[in-house]
Amino acid sequence: MQKKVIIIGAGGHAKVIADIVVNSNDQLVGFLDDNLDKQDMVIFDNKKVLGTINQDIINKYNDCYFIIGIGDNEIRKKIANQYPNLKYYTAIHPNAVIGNEVEIDAGTTIMAGVVINPGARIGKHCIVNTSASLDHDNNLEDYVHISPGAHLAGTVIIKEGTWICTGVTIINNITINSWNIIAAGATIIKDINDTNCTFINTINSIKKQK
């Protein structure tokens, strides 16, 4: 059955999610955004910003599904915690390749060209971005973002809120702790136990910036 979908956020990331909704043959209703300059602005497919993010307007659209179209992991968590009882939409692009026995929780976005192999588990409100790949038995906890072109080998664990940036490569059997940033192009060959750090140039050694 076709779902009616409202996207929370009205930036570039929200536009990509809107494209997934339309290509999935679901109904894009519109967007919510707290930026007053964006109110009534057309964002995608002639659909507008319907209002700011508040309980009254959410109640007005209680027959809709919602998805948080904001790239910042902390903001997604804040909104999800503020509105835990919404019907959250899971956006999976029709061109994504999803293996058997893959679990994808509510509110997560899987973009075009993604490959997710069997046994992987992806938590709530995650982003697996364009042409990223997750091999077998990966485990992404809630609010993780895997950026375009990142590649995770088998049995990788990414804990809550961590951002894997564009072009990162992670070898198999690695665990990366929560709320870290792995900088673009890095190669990860050993576990990262710290939290709230940025890691760069990790082929031979780990360098962190707090």
Protein backbone atom coordinates (compact mmCIF):
# COMPACT_ATOMS: atom_id res chain seq x y z
CA MET A 1 0.00 0.00 0.00
CA GLN A 2 1.27 3.46 -0.90
CA LYS A 3 2.52 5.46 2.07
CA LYS A 4 2.18 9.21 2.53
CA VAL A 5 5.52 10.67 3.63
CA ILE A 6 6.64 13.94 5.20
CA ILE A 7 10.34 14.72 5.40
CA ILE A 8 11.69 16.59 8.43
CA GLY A 9 14.30 18.95 7.02
CA ALA A 10 14.40 20.75 3.69
CA GLY A 11 18.05 20.82 2.63
CA GLY A 12 20.01 18.84 0.07
CA HIS A 13 19.85 15.58 2.03
CA ALA A 14 16.08 15.89 2.32
CA LYS A 15 15.86 16.36 -1.44
CA VAL A 16 17.69 13.07 -2.04
CA ILE A 17 15.30 11.30 0.34
CA ALA A 18 12.38 12.88 -1.50
CA ASP A 19 13.70 11.36 -4.72
CA ILE A 20 13.77 7.93 -3.04
CA VAL A 21 10.18 8.35 -1.85
CA VAL A 22 8.98 9.22 -5.34
CA ASN A 23 10.98 6.42 -6.98
CA SER A 24 9.52 3.97 -4.46
CA ASN A 25 6.02 4.92 -5.66
CA ASP A 26 5.09 6.35 -2.29
CA GLN A 27 3.43 9.74 -1.93
CA LEU A 28 5.59 12.71 -1.00
CA VAL A 29 3.37 15.11 0.97
CA GLY A 30 5.92 17.80 1.82
CA PHE A 31 8.61 18.96 4.20
CA LEU A 32 8.95 20.45 7.68
CA ASP A 33 11.77 22.85 8.53
CA ASP A 34 12.44 25.37 11.31
CA ASN A 35 14.08 27.83 8.90
CA LEU A 36 11.47 30.57 8.54
CA ASP A 37 12.93 31.63 5.18
CA LYS A 38 11.99 28.22 3.76
CA GLN A 39 8.31 28.27 4.68
CA ASP A 40 6.11 27.58 1.62
CA MET A 41 9.24 27.09 -0.49
CA VAL A 42 9.05 24.40 -3.17
CA ILE A 43 11.81 21.84 -2.46
CA PHE A 44 11.22 18.85 -4.76
CA ASP A 45 8.56 17.58 -7.16
CA ASN A 46 6.42 20.69 -6.54
CA LYS A 47 6.15 19.82 -2.84
CA LYS A 48 6.59 22.61 -0.31
CA VAL A 49 7.69 23.22 3.24
CA LEU A 50 4.44 22.81 5.18
CA GLY A 51 5.58 24.44 8.40
CA THR A 52 8.06 24.27 11.23
CA ILE A 53 8.81 21.13 13.23
CA ASN A 54 6.25 21.10 16.03
CA GLN A 55 3.69 18.81 17.59
CA ASP A 56 0.67 20.71 16.27
CA ILE A 57 1.60 20.29 12.62
CA ILE A 58 2.68 16.69 13.22
CA ASN A 59 -0.77 16.02 14.69
CA LYS A 60 -2.33 17.60 11.60
CA TYR A 61 -0.61 14.97 9.45
CA ASN A 62 -1.13 11.99 11.74
CA ASP A 63 -1.95 9.75 8.78
CA CYS A 64 1.55 10.24 7.36
CA TYR A 65 4.89 8.59 7.84
CA PHE A 66 7.85 10.80 8.74
CA ILE A 67 11.57 10.57 8.05
CA ILE A 68 14.30 12.86 9.38
CA GLY A 69 16.07 14.22 6.31
CA ILE A 70 18.96 15.86 8.15
CA GLY A 71 22.55 14.68 7.73
CA ASP A 72 23.79 15.70 11.19
CA ASN A 73 23.71 12.59 13.40
CA GLU A 74 23.21 14.49 16.65
CA ILE A 75 20.27 16.47 15.26
CA ARG A 76 18.61 13.30 13.99
CA LYS A 77 18.92 11.78 17.45
CA LYS A 78 17.54 14.92 19.10
CA ILE A 79 14.48 14.99 16.85
CA ALA A 80 13.89 11.24 17.15
CA ASN A 81 14.03 11.51 20.95
CA GLN A 82 11.67 14.49 20.89
CA TYR A 83 9.12 12.66 18.72
CA PRO A 84 9.53 8.96 19.58
CA ASN A 85 5.98 7.96 18.68
CA LEU A 86 5.93 9.04 15.04
CA LYS A 87 5.43 6.46 12.32
CA TYR A 88 8.93 6.56 10.85
CA TYR A 89 9.46 5.81 7.19
CA THR A 90 12.39 3.71 5.96
CA ALA A 91 13.68 5.01 2.60
CA ILE A 92 15.36 2.38 0.42
CA HIS A 93 16.22 3.34 -3.14
CA PRO A 94 14.97 0.78 -5.69
CA ASN A 95 18.50 0.54 -7.13
CA ALA A 96 20.05 -0.50 -3.81
CA VAL A 97 21.09 -4.16 -3.54
CA ILE A 98 19.97 -5.65 -0.23
CA GLY A 99 21.04 -9.20 0.62
CA ASN A 100 19.10 -11.88 2.45
CA GLU A 101 18.67 -11.67 6.22
CA VAL A 102 19.47 -7.97 6.32
CA GLU A 103 17.69 -5.99 9.07
CA ILE A 104 17.02 -2.27 8.55
CA ASP A 105 15.30 -0.34 11.34
CA ALA A 106 12.79 2.48 11.01
CA GLY A 107 13.85 5.95 9.91
CA THR A 108 16.94 4.78 8.03
CA THR A 109 17.84 5.88 4.50
CA ILE A 110 19.55 3.58 1.96
CA MET A 111 20.56 5.53 -1.14
CA ALA A 112 21.10 4.64 -4.79
CA GLY A 113 23.90 2.23 -5.64
CA VAL A 114 24.32 0.90 -2.11
CA VAL A 115 25.19 -2.78 -1.64
CA ILE A 116 24.41 -4.46 1.69
CA ASN A 117 25.36 -8.12 1.93
CA PRO A 118 23.66 -10.88 3.95
CA GLY A 119 23.47 -10.80 7.71
CA ALA A 120 23.97 -7.05 8.09
CA ARG A 121 21.98 -5.12 10.68
CA ILE A 122 21.34 -1.38 10.42
CA GLY A 123 19.84 0.53 13.33
CA LYS A 124 17.36 3.40 13.52
CA HIS A 125 17.78 6.72 11.71
CA CYS A 126 21.00 5.72 9.94
CA ILE A 127 22.19 6.91 6.54
CA VAL A 128 23.92 4.59 4.08
CA ASN A 129 24.82 7.03 1.34
CA THR A 130 25.31 6.77 -2.40
CA SER A 131 27.35 3.78 -3.64
CA ALA A 132 28.57 2.76 -0.19
CA SER A 133 28.99 -0.97 0.49
CA LEU A 134 28.54 -3.05 3.64
CA ASP A 135 29.76 -6.63 3.48
CA HIS A 136 28.34 -9.57 5.37
CA ASP A 137 27.35 -9.33 9.04
CA ASN A 138 28.05 -5.63 9.50
CA ASN A 139 26.31 -4.00 12.47
CA LEU A 140 25.52 -0.29 12.39
CA GLU A 141 24.03 1.06 15.59
CA ASP A 142 21.52 3.94 15.62
CA TYR A 143 22.30 7.34 14.02
CA VAL A 144 25.34 6.15 12.06
CA HIS A 145 26.15 7.81 8.71
CA ILE A 146 28.10 5.91 6.06
CA SER A 147 29.04 8.50 3.41
CA PRO A 148 29.21 8.06 -0.38
CA GLY A 149 31.77 5.56 -1.64
CA ALA A 150 32.75 4.20 1.78
CA HIS A 151 33.44 0.45 1.90
CA LEU A 152 33.16 -1.77 4.96
CA ALA A 153 34.46 -5.34 4.82
CA GLY A 154 32.81 -8.21 6.67
CA THR A 155 31.82 -8.22 10.35
CA VAL A 156 32.45 -4.52 10.98
CA ILE A 157 30.69 -2.89 13.95
CA ILE A 158 30.02 0.87 13.91
CA LYS A 159 28.65 2.13 17.21
CA GLU A 160 26.06 4.86 17.76
CA GLY A 161 26.38 8.20 16.04
CA THR A 162 29.67 7.63 14.25
CA TRP A 163 30.19 9.27 10.86
CA ILE A 164 32.19 7.35 8.27
CA CYS A 165 33.14 9.96 5.68
CA THR A 166 33.46 9.70 1.92
CA GLY A 167 35.82 7.08 0.54
CA VAL A 168 36.75 5.45 3.85
CA THR A 169 37.87 1.80 3.74
CA ILE A 170 37.50 -0.45 6.80
CA ILE A 171 38.99 -3.95 6.85
CA ASN A 172 37.07 -6.91 8.27
CA ASN A 173 36.40 -7.59 11.96
CA ILE A 174 36.86 -3.96 13.05
CA THR A 175 34.86 -2.18 15.77
CA ILE A 176 34.62 1.62 15.84
CA ASN A 177 33.28 3.21 18.99
CA SER A 178 30.49 5.77 19.25
CA TRP A 179 30.26 9.38 18.06
CA ASN A 180 33.55 9.42 16.18
CA ILE A 181 34.30 10.90 12.77
CA ILE A 182 36.45 8.90 10.35
CA ALA A 183 37.85 11.46 7.93
CA ALA A 184 37.47 11.18 4.16
CA GLY A 185 39.74 8.65 2.48
CA ALA A 186 41.01 7.05 5.68
CA THR A 187 41.84 3.35 5.88
CA ILE A 188 41.01 1.68 9.21
CA ILE A 189 42.97 -1.48 10.07
CA LYS A 190 42.46 -1.72 13.84
CA ASP A 191 39.73 -1.12 16.38
CA ILE A 192 38.95 2.40 17.58
CA ASN A 193 38.01 2.45 21.26
CA ASP A 194 37.96 6.23 21.83
CA THR A 195 34.77 8.24 21.49
CA ASN A 196 34.01 11.75 20.21
CA CYS A 197 37.21 11.99 18.18
CA THR A 198 38.16 12.56 14.56
CA PHE A 199 40.52 9.99 13.01
CA ILE A 200 42.66 10.58 9.92
CA ASN A 201 45.37 8.78 7.93
CA THR A 202 45.05 5.48 9.74
CA ILE A 203 46.77 3.08 7.34
CA ASN A 204 49.80 2.64 9.59
CA SER A 205 48.80 4.46 12.73
CA ILE A 206 45.82 6.19 14.27
CA LYS A 207 45.88 9.92 14.69
CA LYS A 208 43.06 11.52 16.57
CA GLN A 209 41.91 15.08 16.92
CA LYS A 210 39.53 15.94 19.73
